[in-house]
Amino acid sequence: MKMVTLYTDGACSGNPGPGGWGAILKFGEIEKELSGRERDTTNNRMELAAVIAGLEALNQPCTIDMYSDSKYVVDALAKGWAKSWQKRKWVKSDKKPALNTDLWERLLALCDIHKVTPHWVRGHSDNEYNNRCDQLARDAIEKSL
C-alpha cells in the first residue's frame, strides 16, 4: 500500500457556530490541500470532517500517518474508544451517548479501508502543516460568514 501523510484541523467561530476544516495530503513530493465549511456546527464535527475528507480523497487503500491537534479524534481512534462506542450502540463507558455518531460511522468505515495511524500534534505551534490546515479551516469559515 502507498504511504500517505494526512494533516488535519477543524475550527469554529463560536461553538456551535460557523465552522471550517482543512486537510493536507502528502505523497512523496505531491501535496494536495482540501477545505470545507458548514454554517452551524461544532469544533469537534469540523475536526472529524477534516479527517474524513482527507481519507475520502484517496482512490485506493493506503497506509496513513494522520496528524491532528484534536485529542478528541486522536484518542478516540488510537485508544479504541470510537470502536467501543460503536460496539455499545454509541453509548460511552460513562453510559452517556456518544456525540457525532454520523461522522464516527463514516470515519470508522474509512479506517476499515485504510490503515490509519493517528498522531497528536500541538496546535498553533511549530508544525507548519498543522498551521496551514488551521489557516485553511479559518479561511473556509470566512467564506461562510
C-alpha atoms as a PDB file:
ATOM      1  CA  MET A   1       0.000   0.000   0.000  1.00  0.00           C
ATOM      2  CA  LYS A   2       1.071   3.566  -0.650  1.00  0.00           C
ATOM      3  CA  MET A   3       2.307   5.567   2.351  1.00  0.00           C
ATOM      4  CA  VAL A   4       0.449   8.874   2.699  1.00  0.00           C
ATOM      5  CA  THR A   5       0.671  11.585   5.337  1.00  0.00           C
ATOM      6  CA  LEU A   6      -2.517  13.418   6.277  1.00  0.00           C
ATOM      7  CA  TYR A   7      -2.598  16.631   8.312  1.00  0.00           C
ATOM      8  CA  THR A   8      -5.958  17.931   9.500  1.00  0.00           C
ATOM      9  CA  ASP A   9      -7.543  20.696  11.528  1.00  0.00           C
ATOM     10  CA  GLY A  10     -11.017  21.970  12.268  1.00  0.00           C
ATOM     11  CA  ALA A  11     -12.173  25.305  13.616  1.00  0.00           C
ATOM     12  CA  CYS A  12     -15.350  27.045  14.677  1.00  0.00           C
ATOM     13  CA  SER A  13     -16.313  30.675  15.167  1.00  0.00           C
ATOM     14  CA  GLY A  14     -18.365  30.081  18.279  1.00  0.00           C
ATOM     15  CA  ASN A  15     -19.092  26.527  19.347  1.00  0.00           C
ATOM     16  CA  PRO A  16     -21.588  25.928  17.864  1.00  0.00           C
ATOM     17  CA  GLY A  17     -21.283  28.385  15.044  1.00  0.00           C
ATOM     18  CA  PRO A  18     -19.853  28.667  11.535  1.00  0.00           C
ATOM     19  CA  GLY A  19     -17.097  26.104  11.084  1.00  0.00           C
ATOM     20  CA  GLY A  20     -14.370  25.147   8.686  1.00  0.00           C
ATOM     21  CA  TRP A  21     -11.866  22.376   8.200  1.00  0.00           C
ATOM     22  CA  GLY A  22      -8.587  21.956   6.373  1.00  0.00           C
ATOM     23  CA  ALA A  23      -6.591  18.917   5.311  1.00  0.00           C
ATOM     24  CA  ILE A  24      -3.313  18.339   3.528  1.00  0.00           C
ATOM     25  CA  LEU A  25      -2.433  15.030   1.878  1.00  0.00           C
ATOM     26  CA  LYS A  26       1.234  14.321   1.183  1.00  0.00           C
ATOM     27  CA  PHE A  27       2.504  11.518  -1.027  1.00  0.00           C
ATOM     28  CA  GLY A  28       6.210  11.909  -1.709  1.00  0.00           C
ATOM     29  CA  GLU A  29       6.653  15.381  -3.183  1.00  0.00           C
ATOM     30  CA  ILE A  30       2.959  15.679  -4.054  1.00  0.00           C
ATOM     31  CA  GLU A  31       0.751  17.759  -1.755  1.00  0.00           C
ATOM     32  CA  LYS A  32      -2.985  18.316  -2.022  1.00  0.00           C
ATOM     33  CA  GLU A  33      -4.901  20.853   0.082  1.00  0.00           C
ATOM     34  CA  LEU A  34      -8.582  20.420   0.872  1.00  0.00           C
ATOM     35  CA  SER A  35     -11.011  22.556   2.841  1.00  0.00           C
ATOM     36  CA  GLY A  36     -14.702  22.939   3.531  1.00  0.00           C
ATOM     37  CA  ARG A  37     -17.206  24.645   5.761  1.00  0.00           C
ATOM     38  CA  GLU A  38     -20.574  24.404   7.468  1.00  0.00           C
ATOM     39  CA  ARG A  39     -22.777  27.249   8.621  1.00  0.00           C
ATOM     40  CA  ASP A  40     -23.790  25.832  12.019  1.00  0.00           C
ATOM     41  CA  THR A  41     -21.575  23.184  13.539  1.00  0.00           C
ATOM     42  CA  THR A  42     -19.104  22.416  16.315  1.00  0.00           C
ATOM     43  CA  ASN A  43     -15.341  22.298  16.510  1.00  0.00           C
ATOM     44  CA  ASN A  44     -15.341  18.513  17.041  1.00  0.00           C
ATOM     45  CA  ARG A  45     -17.505  17.972  13.960  1.00  0.00           C
ATOM     46  CA  MET A  46     -15.064  20.035  11.902  1.00  0.00           C
ATOM     47  CA  GLU A  47     -12.102  18.048  13.267  1.00  0.00           C
ATOM     48  CA  LEU A  48     -13.829  14.826  12.193  1.00  0.00           C
ATOM     49  CA  ALA A  49     -14.856  16.282   8.820  1.00  0.00           C
ATOM     50  CA  ALA A  50     -11.238  17.144   8.020  1.00  0.00           C
ATOM     51  CA  VAL A  51     -10.053  13.573   8.595  1.00  0.00           C
ATOM     52  CA  ILE A  52     -12.991  12.106   6.667  1.00  0.00           C
ATOM     53  CA  ALA A  53     -12.434  14.409   3.687  1.00  0.00           C
ATOM     54  CA  GLY A  54      -8.739  13.571   3.581  1.00  0.00           C
ATOM     55  CA  LEU A  55      -9.394   9.839   3.612  1.00  0.00           C
ATOM     56  CA  GLU A  56     -12.257  10.087   1.114  1.00  0.00           C
ATOM     57  CA  ALA A  57      -9.939  11.902  -1.325  1.00  0.00           C
ATOM     58  CA  LEU A  58      -7.801   8.758  -1.677  1.00  0.00           C
ATOM     59  CA  ASN A  59      -8.682   6.486  -4.581  1.00  0.00           C
ATOM     60  CA  GLN A  60      -7.160   3.290  -3.192  1.00  0.00           C
ATOM     61  CA  PRO A  61      -6.385   1.757   0.205  1.00  0.00           C
ATOM     62  CA  CYS A  62      -3.325   3.399   1.752  1.00  0.00           C
ATOM     63  CA  THR A  63      -1.240   3.385   4.891  1.00  0.00           C
ATOM     64  CA  ILE A  64      -1.848   6.759   6.514  1.00  0.00           C
ATOM     65  CA  ASP A  65       0.077   8.683   9.153  1.00  0.00           C
ATOM     66  CA  MET A  66      -2.622  11.116  10.275  1.00  0.00           C
ATOM     67  CA  TYR A  67      -1.663  14.208  12.297  1.00  0.00           C
ATOM     68  CA  SER A  68      -4.217  16.261  14.204  1.00  0.00           C
ATOM     69  CA  ASP A  69      -4.246  18.640  17.145  1.00  0.00           C
ATOM     70  CA  SER A  70      -7.593  17.182  18.242  1.00  0.00           C
ATOM     71  CA  LYS A  71      -7.254  14.915  21.278  1.00  0.00           C
ATOM     72  CA  TYR A  72     -10.919  14.035  20.708  1.00  0.00           C
ATOM     73  CA  VAL A  73     -10.160  12.488  17.306  1.00  0.00           C
ATOM     74  CA  VAL A  74      -6.680  11.122  18.007  1.00  0.00           C
ATOM     75  CA  ASP A  75      -7.519   9.497  21.345  1.00  0.00           C
ATOM     76  CA  ALA A  76     -10.837   8.066  20.147  1.00  0.00           C
ATOM     77  CA  LEU A  77      -9.020   6.333  17.277  1.00  0.00           C
ATOM     78  CA  ALA A  78      -5.699   5.461  18.921  1.00  0.00           C
ATOM     79  CA  LYS A  79      -7.205   4.218  22.189  1.00  0.00           C
ATOM     80  CA  GLY A  80     -10.074   2.379  20.508  1.00  0.00           C
ATOM     81  CA  TRP A  81     -12.786   4.468  22.152  1.00  0.00           C
ATOM     82  CA  ALA A  82     -14.729   5.076  18.929  1.00  0.00           C
ATOM     83  CA  LYS A  83     -14.878   1.359  18.112  1.00  0.00           C
ATOM     84  CA  SER A  84     -16.036   0.660  21.672  1.00  0.00           C
ATOM     85  CA  TRP A  85     -18.764   3.300  21.387  1.00  0.00           C
ATOM     86  CA  GLN A  86     -19.871   1.720  18.127  1.00  0.00           C
ATOM     87  CA  LYS A  87     -19.962  -1.787  19.635  1.00  0.00           C
ATOM     88  CA  ARG A  88     -22.080  -0.459  22.518  1.00  0.00           C
ATOM     89  CA  LYS A  89     -24.516   1.155  20.072  1.00  0.00           C
ATOM     90  CA  TRP A  90     -22.949   4.591  20.558  1.00  0.00           C
ATOM     91  CA  VAL A  91     -23.012   4.604  24.338  1.00  0.00           C
ATOM     92  CA  LYS A  92     -19.799   5.626  26.099  1.00  0.00           C
ATOM     93  CA  SER A  93     -18.349   3.854  29.124  1.00  0.00           C
ATOM     94  CA  ASP A  94     -19.911   6.511  31.378  1.00  0.00           C
ATOM     95  CA  LYS A  95     -23.335   5.477  29.945  1.00  0.00           C
ATOM     96  CA  LYS A  96     -23.742   8.823  28.171  1.00  0.00           C
ATOM     97  CA  PRO A  97     -24.482   8.862  24.442  1.00  0.00           C
ATOM     98  CA  ALA A  98     -21.539   9.377  22.105  1.00  0.00           C
ATOM     99  CA  LEU A  99     -21.757  12.524  20.004  1.00  0.00           C
ATOM    100  CA  ASN A 100     -21.245  12.934  16.258  1.00  0.00           C
ATOM    101  CA  THR A 101     -22.124   9.309  15.558  1.00  0.00           C
ATOM    102  CA  ASP A 102     -22.904  10.030  11.902  1.00  0.00           C
ATOM    103  CA  LEU A 103     -19.329  11.210  11.354  1.00  0.00           C
ATOM    104  CA  TRP A 104     -17.772   8.490  13.510  1.00  0.00           C
ATOM    105  CA  GLU A 105     -19.606   5.853  11.422  1.00  0.00           C
ATOM    106  CA  ARG A 106     -18.098   7.316   8.252  1.00  0.00           C
ATOM    107  CA  LEU A 107     -14.630   7.623   9.758  1.00  0.00           C
ATOM    108  CA  LEU A 108     -14.562   4.089  11.150  1.00  0.00           C
ATOM    109  CA  ALA A 109     -15.686   2.727   7.772  1.00  0.00           C
ATOM    110  CA  LEU A 110     -12.780   4.580   6.137  1.00  0.00           C
ATOM    111  CA  CYS A 111     -10.410   3.184   8.773  1.00  0.00           C
ATOM    112  CA  ASP A 112     -11.508  -0.283   7.651  1.00  0.00           C
ATOM    113  CA  ILE A 113     -10.290   0.595   4.138  1.00  0.00           C
ATOM    114  CA  HIS A 114      -7.094   2.419   5.082  1.00  0.00           C
ATOM    115  CA  LYS A 115      -4.517   1.626   7.748  1.00  0.00           C
ATOM    116  CA  VAL A 116      -4.655   4.853   9.754  1.00  0.00           C
ATOM    117  CA  THR A 117      -2.156   5.639  12.490  1.00  0.00           C
ATOM    118  CA  PRO A 118      -3.224   8.779  14.382  1.00  0.00           C
ATOM    119  CA  HIS A 119      -0.654  11.167  15.854  1.00  0.00           C
ATOM    120  CA  TRP A 120      -1.347  14.161  18.077  1.00  0.00           C
ATOM    121  CA  VAL A 121       0.464  17.433  17.379  1.00  0.00           C
ATOM    122  CA  ARG A 122       0.341  20.602  19.451  1.00  0.00           C
ATOM    123  CA  GLY A 123      -1.954  23.116  17.767  1.00  0.00           C
ATOM    124  CA  HIS A 124      -0.800  26.627  16.854  1.00  0.00           C
ATOM    125  CA  SER A 125       2.805  25.612  17.430  1.00  0.00           C
ATOM    126  CA  ASP A 126       5.755  24.861  15.161  1.00  0.00           C
ATOM    127  CA  ASN A 127       4.190  22.248  12.849  1.00  0.00           C
ATOM    128  CA  GLU A 128       3.925  24.061   9.520  1.00  0.00           C
ATOM    129  CA  TYR A 129       1.349  21.640   8.114  1.00  0.00           C
ATOM    130  CA  ASN A 130      -0.918  21.856  11.159  1.00  0.00           C
ATOM    131  CA  ASN A 131      -0.649  25.644  10.966  1.00  0.00           C
ATOM    132  CA  ARG A 132      -1.520  25.564   7.265  1.00  0.00           C
ATOM    133  CA  CYS A 133      -4.544  23.328   7.967  1.00  0.00           C
ATOM    134  CA  ASP A 134      -5.667  25.799  10.632  1.00  0.00           C
ATOM    135  CA  GLN A 135      -5.407  28.613   8.076  1.00  0.00           C
ATOM    136  CA  LEU A 136      -7.401  26.596   5.522  1.00  0.00           C
ATOM    137  CA  ALA A 137     -10.100  25.989   8.149  1.00  0.00           C
ATOM    138  CA  ARG A 138     -10.234  29.654   9.186  1.00  0.00           C
ATOM    139  CA  ASP A 139     -10.348  30.792   5.551  1.00  0.00           C
ATOM    140  CA  ALA A 140     -13.268  28.416   4.978  1.00  0.00           C
ATOM    141  CA  ILE A 141     -15.123  29.944   7.944  1.00  0.00           C
ATOM    142  CA  GLU A 142     -14.676  33.423   6.469  1.00  0.00           C
ATOM    143  CA  LYS A 143     -16.295  32.229   3.238  1.00  0.00           C
ATOM    144  CA  SER A 144     -19.388  31.085   5.157  1.00  0.00           C
ATOM    145  CA  LEU A 145     -19.959  34.358   7.020  1.00  0.00           C
END
